[in-house]
């Protein structure tokens, strides 16, 4: 059998990992099953690897986003964390509105 394999690869980048997590959370809202059910391999680099582990273990992407929002400033520090979280919130709004059209 030559069934094609589905791979999800998530980039790293510290607190910026909240971006792919947010996008995956929005995608997951429209799926009947958790993301891990749709991929043969889920991998990532650095913070992307942490997200990949969470998704592979069956956590919802929205749970991972909540984790970043709650603990991101303590884990990653720096003044830019709030900016990333604000941008992510706006991204979430844009994606939600886009799906309605």
Protein backbone atom coordinates (compact mmCIF):
# COMPACT_ATOMS: atom_id res chain seq x y z
CA UNK A 1 0.00 0.00 0.00
CA UNK A 2 1.25 3.46 -0.91
CA UNK A 3 -1.00 5.51 1.31
CA UNK A 4 0.23 9.08 1.53
CA UNK A 5 1.41 10.16 4.96
CA UNK A 6 0.15 13.36 6.56
CA UNK A 7 2.75 15.34 8.50
CA UNK A 8 2.20 18.39 10.68
CA UNK A 9 5.39 20.37 11.27
CA UNK A 10 5.33 23.31 13.68
CA UNK A 11 8.05 25.95 13.77
CA UNK A 12 9.63 27.19 16.99
CA UNK A 13 10.23 30.73 18.15
CA UNK A 14 9.53 31.05 21.86
CA UNK A 15 6.35 32.93 22.66
CA UNK A 16 5.68 33.23 18.92
CA UNK A 17 4.57 29.61 19.14
CA UNK A 18 1.22 31.03 20.12
CA UNK A 19 0.64 31.92 16.44
CA UNK A 20 0.61 28.37 15.03
CA UNK A 21 -1.24 27.18 18.15
CA UNK A 22 -3.95 29.80 17.52
CA UNK A 23 -4.26 28.87 13.85
CA UNK A 24 -4.48 25.18 14.74
CA UNK A 25 -7.11 25.96 17.39
CA UNK A 26 -9.24 27.71 14.77
CA UNK A 27 -8.87 24.81 12.35
CA UNK A 28 -9.67 22.33 15.09
CA UNK A 29 -13.00 24.09 15.79
CA UNK A 30 -14.27 22.90 12.43
CA UNK A 31 -13.12 19.29 12.86
CA UNK A 32 -15.16 16.51 14.46
CA UNK A 33 -12.07 14.88 16.03
CA UNK A 34 -8.87 16.13 17.70
CA UNK A 35 -6.05 17.23 15.40
CA UNK A 36 -3.93 14.22 16.31
CA UNK A 37 -6.41 11.98 14.49
CA UNK A 38 -5.62 13.67 11.14
CA UNK A 39 -1.82 13.26 11.03
CA UNK A 40 0.56 10.33 10.84
CA UNK A 41 3.43 12.39 12.24
CA UNK A 42 3.38 15.57 14.32
CA UNK A 43 6.74 17.26 14.88
CA UNK A 44 8.17 20.64 15.73
CA UNK A 45 11.25 22.61 16.64
CA UNK A 46 11.71 24.17 20.06
CA UNK A 47 8.36 25.57 21.21
CA UNK A 48 6.81 24.00 18.11
CA UNK A 49 7.96 20.65 19.48
CA UNK A 50 6.17 21.35 22.74
CA UNK A 51 2.99 22.17 20.80
CA UNK A 52 3.47 19.01 18.72
CA UNK A 53 3.79 16.91 21.88
CA UNK A 54 0.63 18.41 23.31
CA UNK A 55 -1.36 17.80 20.14
CA UNK A 56 0.08 14.29 19.83
CA UNK A 57 -1.02 13.53 23.37
CA UNK A 58 -4.56 14.61 22.49
CA UNK A 59 -4.65 18.09 24.00
CA UNK A 60 -6.83 20.54 22.11
CA UNK A 61 -4.93 23.33 20.41
CA UNK A 62 -7.12 25.81 22.31
CA UNK A 63 -5.80 24.32 25.56
CA UNK A 64 -2.27 24.95 24.34
CA UNK A 65 -3.17 28.55 23.44
CA UNK A 66 -4.62 28.99 26.95
CA UNK A 67 -1.37 27.66 28.40
CA UNK A 68 0.67 30.21 26.42
CA UNK A 69 -1.67 33.01 27.47
CA UNK A 70 -1.52 32.03 31.14
CA UNK A 71 2.16 31.14 31.50
CA UNK A 72 3.86 32.69 28.46
CA UNK A 73 5.05 35.84 30.23
CA UNK A 74 6.58 33.83 33.08
CA UNK A 75 8.21 31.29 30.79
CA UNK A 76 9.54 33.56 28.06
CA UNK A 77 9.73 36.92 29.87
CA UNK A 78 10.43 40.16 28.12
CA UNK A 79 8.19 43.07 27.21
CA UNK A 80 7.26 41.68 23.79
CA UNK A 81 5.16 38.85 25.23
CA UNK A 82 2.11 41.09 25.69
CA UNK A 83 2.46 42.33 22.10
CA UNK A 84 2.50 38.76 20.78
CA UNK A 85 -0.55 37.87 22.86
CA UNK A 86 -2.41 40.96 21.60
CA UNK A 87 -1.54 40.16 17.98
CA UNK A 88 -2.66 36.59 18.53
CA UNK A 89 -6.00 37.77 19.89
CA UNK A 90 -6.49 39.92 16.77
CA UNK A 91 -5.48 36.98 14.56
CA UNK A 92 -8.10 34.85 16.27
CA UNK A 93 -10.78 37.48 15.57
CA UNK A 94 -9.76 37.81 11.91
CA UNK A 95 -9.80 34.04 11.42
CA UNK A 96 -13.20 33.70 13.07
CA UNK A 97 -14.64 36.41 10.85
CA UNK A 98 -13.02 34.90 7.74
CA UNK A 99 -14.64 31.52 8.42
CA UNK A 100 -18.09 33.15 8.48
CA UNK A 101 -17.76 34.29 4.84
